[in-house]
Protein backbone atom coordinates (compact mmCIF):
# COMPACT_ATOMS: atom_id res chain seq x y z
CA MET A 1 2.59 17.73 4.79
CA THR A 2 6.32 16.75 5.74
CA ILE A 3 6.30 13.84 3.47
CA VAL A 4 4.64 16.06 0.61
CA ARG A 5 7.47 19.02 1.54
CA ALA A 6 10.40 16.51 1.05
CA ILE A 7 9.18 14.61 -2.16
CA ARG A 8 8.64 18.55 -3.74
CA ARG A 9 12.49 19.15 -2.52
CA CYS A 10 13.79 15.91 -3.71
CA HIS A 11 12.00 16.63 -7.41
CA PHE A 12 13.78 20.10 -7.40
CA PHE A 13 16.91 18.72 -7.48
CA TRP A 14 16.28 16.20 -9.83
CA HIS A 15 14.63 18.41 -12.34
CA LYS A 16 17.45 20.88 -12.09
CA ALA A 17 19.76 18.10 -13.08
CA ILE A 18 17.62 17.53 -16.01
CA ILE A 19 17.82 21.06 -16.98
CA ALA A 20 21.47 20.67 -16.91
CA HIS A 21 22.10 17.93 -18.65
CA ALA A 22 19.69 18.96 -21.44
CA GLY A 23 21.24 22.15 -22.11
CA ALA A 24 24.99 20.16 -22.56
CA LEU A 25 23.85 18.15 -25.47
CA SER A 26 26.09 18.00 -28.27
CA PRO A 27 24.93 18.71 -31.48
CA ARG A 28 27.33 16.02 -32.78
CA ARG A 29 26.12 13.38 -30.43
CA GLN A 30 22.21 13.51 -31.27
CA THR A 31 20.07 15.37 -33.83
CA CYS A 32 16.71 15.39 -34.83
CA ARG A 33 14.71 17.36 -37.13
CA LYS A 34 11.68 19.06 -35.54
CA PRO A 35 8.75 17.15 -37.22
CA ALA A 36 5.80 18.77 -38.67
CA PRO A 37 2.08 18.62 -37.59
CA GLY A 38 0.95 15.72 -36.99
CA LYS A 39 4.31 14.01 -37.64
CA ALA A 40 6.81 12.03 -35.28
CA TYR A 41 10.45 12.41 -33.96
CA THR A 42 13.14 9.99 -35.21
CA ILE A 43 16.22 10.71 -33.09
CA LEU A 44 19.20 10.34 -35.74
CA THR A 45 23.19 10.98 -34.88
CA GLY A 46 26.14 12.30 -36.65
CA THR A 47 25.33 14.96 -39.50
CA ARG A 48 21.77 15.99 -39.85
CA PRO A 49 20.18 14.17 -42.83
CA GLU A 50 16.67 14.23 -43.79
CA PRO A 51 14.43 13.22 -41.15
CA ARG A 52 12.19 9.60 -41.15
CA VAL A 53 8.76 10.54 -39.90
CA HIS A 54 5.77 8.92 -39.60
CA ALA A 55 2.04 9.99 -39.84
CA MET A 56 0.45 10.06 -36.65
CA SER A 57 -3.29 8.96 -35.72
CA GLU A 58 -5.17 10.59 -33.22
CA PRO A 59 -5.39 9.32 -29.95
CA ALA A 60 -8.48 7.22 -29.04
CA ASP A 61 -10.83 8.60 -26.65
CA PRO A 62 -10.20 7.72 -22.55
CA ILE A 63 -12.32 5.86 -21.04
CA SER A 64 -12.23 4.87 -17.26
CA ALA A 65 -10.21 2.24 -16.04
CA PRO A 66 -11.41 -0.52 -14.37
CA ALA A 67 -10.38 -1.84 -11.32
CA ALA A 68 -8.93 -4.87 -12.36
CA VAL A 69 -6.53 -3.24 -14.90
CA LEU A 70 -5.33 -0.84 -12.00
CA ALA A 71 -4.81 -4.35 -9.56
CA GLY A 72 -2.24 -4.93 -12.05
CA HIS A 73 -0.01 -2.36 -10.78
CA ALA A 74 1.47 -2.26 -7.16
CA TRP A 75 0.68 0.85 -5.76
CA PHE A 76 -3.03 0.21 -6.18
CA GLY A 77 -3.09 -3.11 -4.33
CA ALA A 78 -1.73 -1.29 -1.20
CA LEU A 79 -4.13 1.54 -1.15
CA ALA A 80 -7.16 1.64 1.32
CA PRO A 81 -10.54 0.71 -0.13
CA GLU A 82 -11.98 4.18 -0.24
CA HIS A 83 -8.97 5.23 -1.71
CA GLN A 84 -8.71 2.38 -4.47
CA ALA A 85 -12.33 3.52 -5.39
CA LEU A 86 -11.28 6.73 -5.99
CA ALA A 87 -8.28 6.13 -8.20
CA ALA A 88 -10.65 3.42 -9.84
CA ARG A 89 -13.28 6.20 -10.80
CA GLU A 90 -11.09 8.87 -11.89
CA THR A 91 -8.54 7.13 -13.39
CA LEU A 92 -8.80 7.09 -17.20
CA LEU A 93 -7.34 4.57 -19.61
CA GLN A 94 -6.14 5.91 -23.15
CA SER A 95 -4.97 4.33 -26.75
CA PHE A 96 -1.84 5.83 -28.08
CA ALA A 97 -0.07 4.95 -31.34
CA ALA A 98 3.44 5.06 -32.23
CA GLY A 99 4.70 8.27 -32.18
CA ALA A 100 1.79 10.23 -30.59
CA PHE A 101 2.49 12.57 -27.99
CA ILE A 102 0.69 11.77 -24.76
CA ALA A 103 2.26 14.82 -22.92
CA ARG A 104 3.92 18.02 -24.15
CA ARG A 105 6.38 19.78 -22.81
CA GLY A 106 5.22 23.20 -21.43
CA GLU A 107 1.80 22.43 -21.11
CA PRO A 108 -0.15 21.96 -17.56
CA SER A 109 0.72 18.52 -15.99
CA ARG A 110 -2.88 17.14 -15.69
CA HIS A 111 -1.94 13.35 -14.97
CA TRP A 112 0.23 11.25 -13.32
CA ILE A 113 1.10 9.17 -16.57
CA GLY A 114 1.44 4.94 -16.33
CA VAL A 115 1.88 2.01 -18.93
CA ASP A 116 -0.46 -0.51 -18.94
CA SER A 117 0.80 -1.85 -21.99
CA GLY A 118 3.42 -0.58 -24.64
CA LEU A 119 6.28 1.27 -24.31
CA ILE A 120 6.61 5.57 -24.16
CA LYS A 121 9.84 7.87 -23.77
CA LEU A 122 10.20 11.14 -21.71
CA ALA A 123 12.64 13.47 -23.81
CA VAL A 124 13.30 16.85 -24.99
CA TYR A 125 13.89 18.81 -28.07
CA THR A 126 15.57 22.13 -28.64
CA PRO A 127 14.64 24.70 -31.48
CA ASP A 128 17.60 24.21 -33.47
CA GLY A 129 17.15 20.26 -33.48
CA ARG A 130 18.92 18.58 -30.49
CA GLY A 131 17.27 16.16 -28.86
CA CYS A 132 17.64 13.83 -25.79
CA THR A 133 15.95 11.05 -24.31
CA PHE A 134 15.99 10.94 -20.63
CA SER A 135 14.34 7.26 -19.97
CA GLY A 136 11.88 4.66 -21.93
CA VAL A 137 8.53 3.43 -19.75
CA PRO A 138 7.76 -0.16 -20.42
CA ALA A 139 4.31 -1.99 -19.34
CA GLY A 140 4.13 -1.48 -15.34
CA GLY A 141 5.91 1.71 -15.44
CA TRP A 142 4.63 5.19 -14.08
CA CYS A 143 6.30 8.74 -14.49
CA GLY A 144 5.54 12.62 -14.34
CA GLU A 145 5.12 12.19 -10.76
CA GLY A 146 7.18 15.38 -10.20
CA SER A 147 5.64 17.48 -12.32
CA VAL A 148 1.87 16.82 -10.77
CA ILE A 149 3.18 17.07 -7.31
CA LYS A 150 4.53 20.64 -8.16
CA ARG A 151 1.77 21.66 -10.07
CA GLU A 152 4.10 22.90 -12.99
CA ASP A 153 4.12 22.72 -16.96
CA ARG A 154 5.79 19.61 -18.29
CA ARG A 155 9.24 20.09 -18.76
CA TYR A 156 9.26 17.44 -21.12
CA ASP A 157 7.94 15.27 -24.19
CA VAL A 158 6.08 11.73 -23.27
CA ILE A 159 5.55 9.94 -26.61
CA ALA A 160 4.63 6.67 -27.47
CA ILE A 161 7.38 4.66 -28.90
CA ARG A 162 4.90 1.91 -30.29
CA ASP A 163 0.96 1.61 -29.56
CA SER A 164 0.62 1.88 -26.40
CA GLN A 165 -2.41 2.07 -23.71
CA VAL A 166 -1.66 4.25 -21.04
CA LEU A 167 -3.45 5.03 -17.26
CA LEU A 168 -4.12 8.57 -16.50
CA VAL A 169 -4.36 9.41 -12.86
CA PRO A 170 -5.65 13.14 -12.87
CA GLU A 171 -3.97 15.79 -10.69
CA PRO A 172 -6.37 16.43 -7.70
CA VAL A 173 -6.90 12.46 -7.77
CA PHE A 174 -2.71 12.07 -7.28
CA ASN A 175 -2.44 14.73 -4.67
CA THR A 176 -5.22 13.77 -2.61
CA LEU A 177 -3.97 10.39 -2.59
CA LEU A 178 -0.72 11.70 -1.87
CA ALA A 179 -1.61 13.45 1.20
CA GLN A 180 -4.13 11.02 2.85
CA SER A 181 -2.28 7.20 1.59
CA LEU A 182 0.59 6.98 3.63
CA PRO A 183 1.52 3.43 1.43
CA PHE A 184 0.98 5.95 -1.60
CA ALA A 185 3.28 8.29 -0.24
CA SER A 186 5.86 5.46 0.25
CA PHE A 187 6.02 4.36 -3.26
CA VAL A 188 5.90 7.35 -5.02
CA VAL A 189 9.13 8.74 -2.48
CA ARG A 190 10.40 5.08 -3.70
CA GLN A 191 9.49 5.84 -7.54
CA LEU A 192 11.51 9.60 -7.11
CA ASN A 193 14.39 8.21 -5.21
CA GLU A 194 14.89 5.13 -8.27
CA ARG A 195 14.19 7.60 -10.91
CA MET A 196 17.01 9.81 -9.60
CA GLY A 197 19.52 7.02 -9.63
CA GLN A 198 18.58 6.19 -13.19
CA PHE A 199 18.58 9.56 -14.24
CA ILE A 200 22.46 10.32 -12.92
CA ALA A 201 23.61 6.55 -14.54
CA THR A 202 21.68 7.51 -17.87
CA VAL A 203 23.56 10.86 -17.38
CA GLN A 204 27.38 9.42 -17.09
CA ASN A 205 26.52 6.62 -20.16
CA ASP A 206 25.42 8.93 -22.45
CA ARG A 207 28.64 11.06 -21.76
CA LEU A 208 30.82 8.47 -21.02
CA LEU A 209 30.61 5.11 -22.52
CA GLY A 210 30.64 3.77 -26.16
CA ALA A 211 27.99 2.97 -28.36
CA ASP A 212 28.15 -0.60 -27.66
CA ALA A 213 28.09 -0.19 -23.95
CA ARG A 214 25.02 2.46 -24.15
CA VAL A 215 23.19 0.03 -25.92
CA ALA A 216 23.33 -2.77 -23.38
CA GLN A 217 22.64 0.05 -20.71
CA ALA A 218 19.42 1.11 -22.37
CA ILE A 219 18.54 -2.59 -22.20
CA ALA A 220 19.16 -3.21 -19.20
CA GLN A 221 17.66 -0.45 -17.20
CA LEU A 222 14.50 -1.97 -18.50
CA PHE A 223 14.65 -4.28 -16.37
CA HIS A 224 14.85 -2.21 -13.42
CA PRO A 225 12.65 -4.36 -10.75
CA ASP A 226 11.03 -1.28 -8.81
CA LEU A 227 10.20 1.22 -11.75
CA TYR A 228 9.20 -1.40 -14.24
CA PRO A 229 8.50 -4.77 -12.70
CA ARG A 230 6.64 -6.60 -15.31
CA THR A 231 9.83 -6.70 -17.98
CA SER A 232 9.74 -9.91 -19.00
CA PRO A 233 13.14 -11.76 -20.11
CA VAL A 234 12.02 -11.40 -23.89
CA LEU A 235 11.58 -7.66 -25.04
CA GLU A 236 9.67 -7.05 -28.40
CA LEU A 237 11.80 -4.30 -28.95
CA SER A 238 13.09 -3.20 -32.27
CA GLN A 239 16.13 -2.15 -33.22
CA GLU A 240 14.53 1.03 -34.12
CA GLU A 241 13.40 1.57 -31.05
CA ILE A 242 16.44 0.92 -29.53
CA GLY A 243 17.76 3.72 -31.41
CA LEU A 244 15.08 6.28 -30.08
CA LEU A 245 15.98 5.35 -26.57
CA THR A 246 19.90 5.85 -26.82
CA GLY A 247 19.99 8.39 -29.52
CA LEU A 248 21.97 5.95 -31.97
CA SER A 249 21.17 5.33 -35.58
CA ARG A 250 19.56 2.24 -36.60
CA GLN A 251 22.89 0.53 -37.84
CA ARG A 252 24.70 1.30 -35.48
CA VAL A 253 22.41 0.10 -32.67
CA ASN A 254 22.61 -3.40 -34.81
CA GLN A 255 26.00 -3.57 -34.95
CA ALA A 256 26.14 -3.29 -31.15
CA LEU A 257 23.29 -6.11 -30.64
CA ARG A 258 25.34 -8.18 -32.89
CA ARG A 259 28.09 -7.95 -30.61
CA LEU A 260 26.13 -8.27 -27.46
CA ALA A 261 24.95 -11.19 -29.24
CA ASP A 262 28.35 -13.15 -30.04
CA ALA A 263 29.61 -12.10 -26.48
CA GLY A 264 26.31 -14.63 -25.12
CA MET A 265 24.29 -11.53 -23.48
CA VAL A 266 21.35 -11.46 -25.54
CA HIS A 267 19.64 -13.43 -28.29
CA LEU A 268 17.97 -11.75 -31.22
CA SER A 269 14.81 -12.58 -33.33
CA TYR A 270 12.81 -10.43 -35.36
CA GLN A 271 11.29 -8.18 -33.51
CA SER A 272 12.75 -9.07 -30.23
CA ILE A 273 15.76 -9.79 -27.48
CA ARG A 274 15.93 -12.39 -25.50
CA VAL A 275 18.14 -11.20 -22.30
CA THR A 276 19.95 -14.64 -21.71
CA ASP A 277 22.36 -12.87 -19.15
CA LEU A 278 21.28 -9.84 -17.25
CA PRO A 279 24.22 -9.89 -14.78
CA ARG A 280 26.55 -9.20 -17.47
CA LEU A 281 24.76 -7.00 -19.58
CA ARG A 282 23.91 -4.54 -16.62
CA HIS A 283 28.00 -4.39 -15.83
CA PHE A 284 28.88 -4.52 -19.92
CA GLY A 285 31.34 -1.05 -20.23
CA LEU A 286 31.58 0.33 -17.09
CA SER A 287 34.83 -1.05 -16.86
CA GLU A 288 35.28 2.00 -19.08
CA LEU A 289 34.16 4.76 -16.52
């Protein structure tokens, strides 16, 4: 119980930081329109233009996740056989189209969320149209453990940026594993610790770095070895998707990517980016701090 109590305490401070950052948003830096029902958000910058929206299909019905799918995620392989059986029996695998809500702010946190394929984001939007993206989560990443641990309403939206296959571990199963499995509890503690560090870096980058550096850091964050272990050197990532992660316009993202390519850090292709110098990309723009 000591581990669970420590995890909850850590997540309390993480959420306070999220609320403070969301409340400090500047309308000039990031704006978006509240979409009509069945429409997706597109984050834009500068003065508020008409929104670009995309029709959303309903998420496919969830199915039980086979053990072979879960075996591709490190925490599952560390579990005892009886805990693996529990997770494989109860975890759901569901398809979400680009723009679909996987979880909504203010609703009960019923699942721990993992990405088996695709790309999702964690974001909040205010009634007056301001928005903030906290993080993108590519294939192999997991999110939402803090809200599930505390059994509280979700404090942010979880949205598919592209068509995604998502794993949903029910809250009772998650908390059973947390209480009974030391390897699982250790994994969750590492997740929270690494995510706290990533979030602090995101706040720093958003408030202090220029647009080129923000794009560089947003791409580099997708290569976090603990949070996103499956990321390959070639990112199937469009300029629009990077814009959704950074809160920058597609045109500004295009300018930043071309400058990064000219500097030899990335190679650009249609709908994809090859990172050719990850160490330089990770440090790009940090001299401004």
